[in-house]
Amino acid sequence: MSARRVLAGSVAALLLPASLLLSTETGSATDSTTRSASVAVTKKANQKISLEVLPQIVQQGKRTASANSAKAAVTATIKPVKVGRPVVLQQLNGSSWKKVGKAKQEKSGRAHFSAAVSKGGAPLAYRVVAQKYKGLKPVTSDSADTTQWLTPTFTDEFSGGTLNPVWSMRGQDYEPTSKRACSKGDPKAVKVGSGALRLSVIKDREAKGKCLAKSRKLKKKIAYRLNGHVGTKDGFSFKYGVAAARIKMNKLQGQHASFWSQPIDENSPRSAGHEIDVIEYFGDKHPQGGLTSFIHWYKGNKLIKTGSWIKDSKSFLKNKRDGWSKNYHVFSVKWDPKKIVFYIDGKETWRTSAHVSKERQYLILSLLASDYEALEMNDKKLPQHMYVDWVRVWETPQA
């Protein structure tokens, strides 16, 4: 299967089952759907509802699945904030509105939903109704629709048994300056099968002796290691839009799984582009939850890192039985000229309007054993793995 597919004419495959419709509610459809917009802002009764429809970036689960079966993310942000306020999602069906979801407002002010992206190949329009609650009148938002998200620019579902040539190996030399004196990228640590890309950290059995790995506090001799580390620099790049990957993370500390992007002319003091780390994961028992998102940019000749650990990362899990190394989750970023917003299964984790990349970016997937973390894991616990079910990009070029 080609990694880059123009899907025009095949959007009918994006249709989700009619059983997702919870119940039917008839109402006025006076807000016109001829205006195609994925964002709507409504001010009524001293309240404000910002409704945003994002592409198919919601798909938690244990097994691999078709990217076409993922759900669109719909988020309503309501002011004033009333935690626990019931909010209903409605889908336009002809001249009436059907109730297709319900949620409660969170302390962030948001109410989150997942929904179908199309029906019979046609886009769908949504609105929300914030119910009467604690002195607030019920308010119905204007509609937003999925038109912008019907056709991905890029898709790779890692079918077959070989890596599509749109991807190429990265970092195939031991690099002390990158804090990887003891590990390097290698095709031996990359495997495609059973509908997923497996990236690994394994022993480099061709290397002689041990490597002295160093962190700020420790020094330790460990086996040289090979990393799964691939990117699309020579095969695909984009400027602005949503990029998403469905990933099951590594279990143990000692390496970190990543989905990230670099400007095509690389991150340098002379570039208007910056590295975007959509997600990094440092292991199940990491004391700070294990998940991070960062922007790497230059101030003069000094490389600066902006971002942090994702606070209360467990709140993004589906339930107590869920886990980052147990199940697949969709990690995504929305990038436009003014801001960068990060998501897990359609729920926002962080946003920034500072140091927004202005250059085309290419995609990178990696499981890297940097020296400072590799020395914390015994050689006997190798190999370690991360799995990528699919990657998609919906490019939104700006005029």
Protein backbone atom coordinates (compact mmCIF):
# COMPACT_ATOMS: atom_id res chain seq x y z
CA MET A 1 0.00 0.00 0.00
CA SER A 2 1.34 3.42 -0.87
CA ALA A 3 2.18 5.57 2.11
CA ARG A 4 1.04 8.71 0.35
CA ARG A 5 -2.49 8.38 -0.90
CA VAL A 6 -4.74 11.02 -2.31
CA LEU A 7 -8.09 9.77 -1.10
CA ALA A 8 -10.43 11.79 -3.31
CA GLY A 9 -13.36 9.65 -4.26
CA SER A 10 -12.85 7.24 -1.37
CA VAL A 11 -14.22 9.27 1.50
CA ALA A 12 -17.23 7.00 1.65
CA ALA A 13 -14.98 4.58 3.48
CA LEU A 14 -14.87 7.06 6.34
CA LEU A 15 -18.50 6.47 7.25
CA LEU A 16 -18.98 5.28 10.82
CA PRO A 17 -21.87 3.00 11.85
CA ALA A 18 -25.32 4.44 12.23
CA SER A 19 -25.42 2.78 15.67
CA LEU A 20 -23.30 5.67 16.93
CA LEU A 21 -26.39 7.86 16.86
CA LEU A 22 -27.75 7.79 20.40
CA SER A 23 -31.20 9.23 19.84
CA THR A 24 -33.12 11.61 17.60
CA GLU A 25 -34.01 15.20 18.40
CA THR A 26 -35.89 17.35 15.94
CA GLY A 27 -35.12 21.05 15.84
CA SER A 28 -34.57 24.04 13.64
CA ALA A 29 -31.67 24.02 11.18
CA THR A 30 -31.64 27.77 10.68
CA ASP A 31 -27.85 28.10 10.99
CA SER A 32 -26.75 27.50 7.41
CA THR A 33 -24.44 24.62 6.57
CA THR A 34 -23.48 26.13 3.24
CA ARG A 35 -20.72 27.94 5.15
CA SER A 36 -17.94 25.43 5.55
CA ALA A 37 -16.09 25.97 8.81
CA SER A 38 -14.54 23.66 11.38
CA VAL A 39 -14.85 26.34 14.09
CA ALA A 40 -17.89 28.27 15.29
CA VAL A 41 -18.11 30.92 18.02
CA THR A 42 -21.49 31.78 19.55
CA LYS A 43 -22.41 34.46 22.10
CA LYS A 44 -25.89 34.27 23.63
CA ALA A 45 -27.48 34.94 27.03
CA ASN A 46 -24.19 36.25 28.45
CA GLN A 47 -22.53 32.98 27.52
CA LYS A 48 -19.93 32.02 24.91
CA ILE A 49 -19.50 28.68 23.14
CA SER A 50 -16.47 27.99 20.95
CA LEU A 51 -17.08 24.81 18.96
CA GLU A 52 -14.22 23.12 17.10
CA VAL A 53 -14.33 20.05 14.87
CA LEU A 54 -11.01 18.25 14.33
CA PRO A 55 -10.21 15.27 12.08
CA GLN A 56 -10.16 11.57 13.00
CA ILE A 57 -7.80 11.74 15.98
CA VAL A 58 -9.75 9.65 18.51
CA GLN A 59 -9.10 5.90 18.55
CA GLN A 60 -8.06 4.24 21.79
CA GLY A 61 -7.81 0.44 21.72
CA LYS A 62 -5.77 -2.67 22.30
CA ARG A 63 -5.39 -3.79 18.67
CA THR A 64 -4.52 -2.26 15.34
CA ALA A 65 -7.43 -0.71 13.47
CA SER A 66 -8.15 1.10 10.23
CA ALA A 67 -7.43 4.82 10.32
CA ASN A 68 -10.75 5.27 8.51
CA SER A 69 -12.59 3.95 11.57
CA ALA A 70 -11.11 6.56 13.90
CA LYS A 71 -13.51 9.26 15.07
CA ALA A 72 -13.42 12.99 14.62
CA ALA A 73 -12.86 15.05 17.76
CA VAL A 74 -15.44 17.69 18.64
CA THR A 75 -14.73 20.10 21.49
CA ALA A 76 -17.00 22.75 22.97
CA THR A 77 -15.43 25.40 25.21
CA ILE A 78 -18.07 27.20 27.24
CA LYS A 79 -17.91 30.37 29.35
CA PRO A 80 -18.70 30.89 32.15
CA VAL A 81 -17.34 27.57 33.37
CA LYS A 82 -19.72 25.39 35.38
CA VAL A 83 -18.05 22.07 36.11
CA GLY A 84 -20.48 19.20 35.57
CA ARG A 85 -22.83 21.11 33.27
CA PRO A 86 -24.49 18.70 30.81
CA VAL A 87 -23.68 19.36 27.15
CA VAL A 88 -25.33 17.57 24.23
CA LEU A 89 -23.79 17.07 20.78
CA GLN A 90 -26.15 17.16 17.82
CA GLN A 91 -25.63 16.17 14.18
CA LEU A 92 -27.55 17.77 11.32
CA ASN A 93 -29.68 15.21 9.47
CA GLY A 94 -31.62 16.83 6.65
CA SER A 95 -33.56 19.65 8.28
CA SER A 96 -33.43 18.31 11.84
CA TRP A 97 -30.81 17.71 14.50
CA LYS A 98 -30.04 14.32 16.04
CA LYS A 99 -28.52 13.86 19.46
CA VAL A 100 -25.31 11.87 18.97
CA GLY A 101 -23.40 12.43 22.18
CA LYS A 102 -23.43 13.84 25.66
CA ALA A 103 -20.71 15.02 28.01
CA LYS A 104 -20.16 17.22 31.05
CA GLN A 105 -18.17 20.41 31.19
CA GLU A 106 -14.74 19.94 32.76
CA LYS A 107 -12.82 22.44 34.89
CA SER A 108 -10.92 23.45 31.73
CA GLY A 109 -14.25 24.73 30.43
CA ARG A 110 -14.35 22.08 27.72
CA ALA A 111 -16.74 19.29 26.86
CA HIS A 112 -15.29 16.54 24.65
CA PHE A 113 -17.01 14.35 22.06
CA SER A 114 -16.06 11.88 19.33
CA ALA A 115 -18.18 11.57 16.21
CA ALA A 116 -18.37 10.42 12.59
CA VAL A 117 -16.46 12.46 10.04
CA SER A 118 -18.73 11.71 7.06
CA LYS A 119 -21.88 9.98 5.86
CA GLY A 120 -22.00 8.52 2.36
CA GLY A 121 -18.84 10.47 1.57
CA ALA A 122 -20.45 13.80 2.51
CA PRO A 123 -19.31 16.04 5.37
CA LEU A 124 -21.32 16.31 8.57
CA ALA A 125 -22.35 19.37 10.56
CA TYR A 126 -22.45 19.48 14.36
CA ARG A 127 -23.63 21.82 17.08
CA VAL A 128 -23.86 21.60 20.87
CA VAL A 129 -26.53 22.49 23.38
CA ALA A 130 -25.30 23.55 26.83
CA GLN A 131 -28.13 22.56 29.13
CA LYS A 132 -29.79 24.74 31.77
CA TYR A 133 -27.56 24.52 34.83
CA LYS A 134 -27.12 26.41 38.12
CA GLY A 135 -28.78 29.62 37.01
CA LEU A 136 -27.52 29.53 33.41
CA LYS A 137 -30.03 29.38 30.57
CA PRO A 138 -29.68 26.66 27.91
CA VAL A 139 -27.64 27.84 24.92
CA THR A 140 -27.32 26.31 21.45
CA SER A 141 -24.13 26.91 19.47
CA ASP A 142 -23.81 27.69 15.80
CA SER A 143 -22.71 24.73 13.68
CA ALA A 144 -19.27 23.59 12.55
CA ASP A 145 -18.58 20.85 10.03
CA THR A 146 -16.07 18.24 8.90
CA THR A 147 -15.52 19.44 5.30
CA GLN A 148 -11.90 20.41 5.92
CA TRP A 149 -11.04 16.94 7.24
CA LEU A 150 -12.53 14.55 4.66
CA THR A 151 -9.36 13.90 2.69
CA PRO A 152 -5.99 13.36 4.40
CA THR A 153 -2.91 14.57 2.55
CA PHE A 154 -0.82 11.66 3.78
CA THR A 155 -1.62 8.23 5.19
CA ASP A 156 0.51 5.24 6.09
CA GLU A 157 -1.14 2.25 7.77
CA PHE A 158 2.00 0.05 7.64
CA SER A 159 0.36 -2.80 5.77
CA GLY A 160 2.49 -5.55 4.26
CA GLY A 161 5.89 -6.60 5.53
CA THR A 162 8.25 -3.80 4.50
CA LEU A 163 8.62 -0.16 5.35
CA ASN A 164 7.34 2.12 2.62
CA PRO A 165 10.19 4.03 0.91
CA VAL A 166 8.61 7.33 1.93
CA TRP A 167 10.40 6.60 5.23
CA SER A 168 14.19 6.45 5.58
CA MET A 169 16.57 5.60 8.40
CA ARG A 170 17.94 8.38 10.62
CA GLY A 171 20.90 8.74 12.95
CA GLN A 172 22.90 5.73 11.77
CA ASP A 173 26.10 6.81 13.52
CA TYR A 174 26.99 6.90 17.20
CA GLU A 175 26.59 10.58 18.11
CA PRO A 176 28.11 11.82 21.39
CA THR A 177 27.01 15.39 20.61
CA SER A 178 23.37 14.17 20.48
CA LYS A 179 23.84 12.32 23.79
CA ARG A 180 23.76 9.01 21.93
CA ALA A 181 27.37 7.84 22.14
CA CYS A 182 26.05 4.36 22.99
CA SER A 183 23.19 4.01 20.50
CA LYS A 184 22.43 4.63 16.83
CA GLY A 185 19.65 4.12 14.30
CA ASP A 186 19.67 0.85 12.37
CA PRO A 187 17.28 -1.06 10.06
CA LYS A 188 17.63 -4.10 12.35
CA ALA A 189 15.56 -2.19 14.92
CA VAL A 190 12.71 -1.53 12.44
CA LYS A 191 10.05 -4.08 11.47
CA VAL A 192 6.70 -3.89 9.69
CA GLY A 193 4.13 -6.64 10.25
CA SER A 194 0.60 -7.38 11.47
CA GLY A 195 -0.53 -3.92 10.41
CA ALA A 196 1.96 -1.96 12.52
CA LEU A 197 5.43 -0.47 12.49
CA ARG A 198 7.56 -1.81 15.35
CA LEU A 199 10.47 0.34 16.44
CA SER A 200 12.87 -1.24 18.92
CA VAL A 201 15.94 -0.76 21.06
CA ILE A 202 18.15 -3.85 20.72
CA LYS A 203 21.76 -4.78 21.43
CA ASP A 204 24.29 -3.99 18.73
CA ARG A 205 25.79 -7.46 18.46
CA GLU A 206 28.42 -6.29 15.99
CA ALA A 207 29.90 -3.73 18.38
CA LYS A 208 32.86 -4.81 20.46
CA GLY A 209 33.10 -4.20 24.19
CA LYS A 210 30.93 -1.91 26.30
CA CYS A 211 30.08 1.76 26.06
CA LEU A 212 30.49 4.24 28.93
CA ALA A 213 27.16 6.01 29.25
CA LYS A 214 26.95 9.17 31.33
CA SER A 215 24.24 11.23 32.94
CA ARG A 216 24.55 14.20 35.26
CA LYS A 217 24.95 11.93 38.27
CA LEU A 218 25.95 8.50 36.97
CA LYS A 219 28.44 6.67 34.80
CA LYS A 220 27.94 3.09 33.71
CA LYS A 221 29.19 0.69 31.05
CA ILE A 222 26.37 -0.75 28.95
CA ALA A 223 25.97 -2.68 25.71
CA TYR A 224 25.94 -0.64 22.51
CA ARG A 225 22.36 -0.36 21.29
CA LEU A 226 20.47 0.02 18.00
CA ASN A 227 17.45 2.30 17.74
CA GLY A 228 14.38 2.26 15.52
CA HIS A 229 14.54 5.77 14.03
CA VAL A 230 12.79 6.71 10.77
CA GLY A 231 11.67 9.90 9.04
CA THR A 232 10.05 11.22 5.85
CA LYS A 233 12.59 13.92 4.95
CA ASP A 234 13.00 12.71 1.37
CA GLY A 235 9.44 11.42 1.00
CA PHE A 236 6.88 13.78 2.55
CA SER A 237 6.66 17.20 4.19
CA PHE A 238 3.86 19.62 4.96
CA LYS A 239 3.22 23.15 6.19
CA TYR A 240 0.30 23.72 8.57
CA GLY A 241 -2.45 21.27 9.41
CA VAL A 242 -2.99 18.32 11.74
CA ALA A 243 -0.51 15.45 12.07
CA ALA A 244 -1.48 12.34 14.02
CA ALA A 245 -0.04 8.94 14.90
CA ARG A 246 -1.68 6.03 16.70
CA ILE A 247 0.97 4.58 19.02
CA LYS A 248 1.42 1.95 21.72
CA MET A 249 4.39 3.04 23.82
CA ASN A 250 7.41 1.28 25.30
CA LYS A 251 6.86 -0.12 28.80
CA LEU A 252 10.18 0.40 30.57
CA GLN A 253 12.36 3.41 31.28
CA GLY A 254 15.74 3.45 29.58
CA GLN A 255 14.52 4.75 26.21
CA HIS A 256 11.84 7.11 24.98
CA ALA A 257 9.28 6.73 22.20
CA SER A 258 8.68 9.83 20.08
CA PHE A 259 6.49 11.24 17.33
CA TRP A 260 8.02 14.51 16.15
CA SER A 261 8.88 16.71 13.20
CA GLN A 262 11.79 18.75 11.93
CA PRO A 263 11.98 21.56 9.34
CA ILE A 264 13.20 20.21 6.00
CA ASP A 265 16.36 22.31 6.25
CA GLU A 266 16.81 20.99 9.82
CA ASN A 267 16.69 22.90 13.08
CA SER A 268 19.41 25.56 13.06
CA PRO A 269 20.06 29.19 14.08
CA ARG A 270 19.47 30.24 10.48
CA SER A 271 16.13 28.46 10.04
CA ALA A 272 12.64 29.90 10.50
CA GLY A 273 11.56 26.35 11.35
CA HIS A 274 11.62 24.66 14.74
CA GLU A 275 11.51 21.09 15.97
CA ILE A 276 8.03 20.04 17.15
CA ASP A 277 7.97 17.13 19.61
CA VAL A 278 4.35 16.04 19.38
CA ILE A 279 4.86 13.41 22.10
CA GLU A 280 7.67 11.67 23.96
CA TYR A 281 7.22 8.82 26.41
CA PHE A 282 9.80 7.79 29.01
CA GLY A 283 8.21 4.65 30.50
CA ASP A 284 5.28 3.47 32.60
CA LYS A 285 6.79 4.12 36.01
CA HIS A 286 8.32 7.50 35.34
CA PRO A 287 7.69 9.70 38.42
CA GLN A 288 6.35 12.59 36.33
CA GLY A 289 3.94 10.49 34.30
CA GLY A 290 6.26 9.85 31.38
CA LEU A 291 4.71 12.06 28.68
CA THR A 292 6.17 15.31 27.32
CA SER A 293 5.66 17.76 24.44
CA PHE A 294 8.25 20.36 23.44
CA ILE A 295 9.26 22.97 20.89
CA HIS A 296 13.02 23.28 20.20
CA TRP A 297 14.11 26.67 18.83
CA TYR A 298 17.22 28.81 18.60
CA LYS A 299 17.90 32.06 20.42
CA GLY A 300 20.98 33.24 18.59
CA ASN A 301 23.20 30.17 18.56
CA LYS A 302 21.67 28.70 21.71
CA LEU A 303 19.11 25.89 21.41
CA ILE A 304 16.14 26.48 23.71
CA LYS A 305 13.52 23.93 24.74
CA THR A 306 9.98 25.13 25.51
CA GLY A 307 7.37 22.76 26.95
CA SER A 308 7.01 20.42 29.89
CA TRP A 309 5.79 17.12 31.26
CA ILE A 310 2.08 16.62 30.62
CA LYS A 311 0.42 17.21 33.97
CA ASP A 312 -1.92 14.54 35.32
CA SER A 313 -1.28 12.39 32.25
CA LYS A 314 -3.44 9.57 33.63
CA SER A 315 -6.50 11.79 33.19
CA PHE A 316 -6.15 11.24 29.43
CA LEU A 317 -6.48 7.46 29.81
CA LYS A 318 -9.84 5.85 29.18
CA ASN A 319 -10.06 4.03 32.52
CA LYS A 320 -7.94 2.43 35.24
CA ARG A 321 -7.21 -0.60 33.04
CA ASP A 322 -5.86 1.60 30.25
CA GLY A 323 -2.18 2.46 29.87
CA TRP A 324 0.25 4.02 27.41
CA SER A 325 2.10 0.72 26.89
CA LYS A 326 -1.08 -1.40 27.10
CA ASN A 327 -3.18 0.22 24.40
CA TYR A 328 -2.95 2.39 21.31
CA HIS A 329 -3.74 6.09 21.59
CA VAL A 330 -3.75 8.85 18.98
CA PHE A 331 -1.22 11.62 19.61
CA SER A 332 -1.65 14.67 17.40
CA VAL A 333 -0.73 18.28 16.82
CA LYS A 334 -2.57 21.12 15.10
CA TRP A 335 -0.16 23.66 13.60
CA ASP A 336 -1.12 26.97 12.03
CA PRO A 337 0.75 30.27 11.50
CA LYS A 338 -0.23 31.57 14.95
CA LYS A 339 -0.20 28.59 17.30
CA ILE A 340 0.59 24.93 17.93
CA VAL A 341 -1.87 22.76 19.89
CA PHE A 342 -1.20 19.22 21.16
CA TYR A 343 -3.78 16.48 21.76
CA ILE A 344 -4.22 12.94 23.07
CA ASP A 345 -7.26 11.21 21.56
CA GLY A 346 -8.69 14.63 20.70
CA LYS A 347 -8.22 16.17 24.15
CA GLU A 348 -5.92 19.18 24.34
CA THR A 349 -2.80 18.80 26.49
CA TRP A 350 -0.90 22.04 25.74
CA ARG A 351 -0.79 24.97 23.35
CA THR A 352 1.70 27.68 22.53
CA SER A 353 1.77 30.75 20.30
CA ALA A 354 5.50 31.31 20.84
CA HIS A 355 8.16 30.10 18.39
CA VAL A 356 5.74 28.71 15.83
CA SER A 357 7.62 27.05 12.96
CA LYS A 358 7.30 28.83 9.60
CA GLU A 359 8.95 26.13 7.50
CA ARG A 360 7.75 22.86 5.98
CA GLN A 361 8.19 19.96 8.37
CA TYR A 362 8.83 16.26 7.85
CA LEU A 363 7.67 13.48 10.17
CA ILE A 364 9.82 11.36 12.49
CA LEU A 365 9.06 8.23 14.53
CA SER A 366 11.66 6.90 16.93
CA LEU A 367 12.49 4.81 19.97
CA LEU A 368 15.76 6.29 21.19
CA ALA A 369 18.04 5.13 24.00
CA SER A 370 19.87 8.33 24.87
CA ASP A 371 22.92 7.85 27.10
CA TYR A 372 21.41 9.59 30.13
CA GLU A 373 18.49 7.13 30.25
CA ALA A 374 20.03 4.01 28.70
CA LEU A 375 22.37 3.56 31.65
CA GLU A 376 19.33 3.18 33.91
CA MET A 377 18.22 -0.04 32.21
CA ASN A 378 19.99 -3.38 32.51
CA ASP A 379 21.13 -4.89 29.21
CA LYS A 380 19.17 -8.04 30.06
CA LYS A 381 15.88 -6.16 29.68
CA LEU A 382 16.47 -5.57 25.97
CA PRO A 383 14.78 -5.55 23.52
CA GLN A 384 12.18 -2.85 24.09
CA HIS A 385 9.49 -1.89 21.57
CA MET A 386 6.99 0.77 20.53
CA TYR A 387 4.27 0.15 17.93
CA VAL A 388 2.78 2.59 15.42
CA ASP A 389 -0.55 1.58 13.90
CA TRP A 390 -0.95 4.47 11.48
CA VAL A 391 0.17 8.02 10.67
CA ARG A 392 -1.95 10.71 9.01
CA VAL A 393 -1.62 14.35 8.02
CA TRP A 394 -4.42 16.71 7.03
CA GLU A 395 -2.62 19.68 5.50
CA THR A 396 -4.29 23.08 5.66
CA PRO A 397 -2.25 25.44 3.46
CA GLN A 398 -2.52 29.10 4.38
CA ALA A 399 -2.96 31.86 1.81
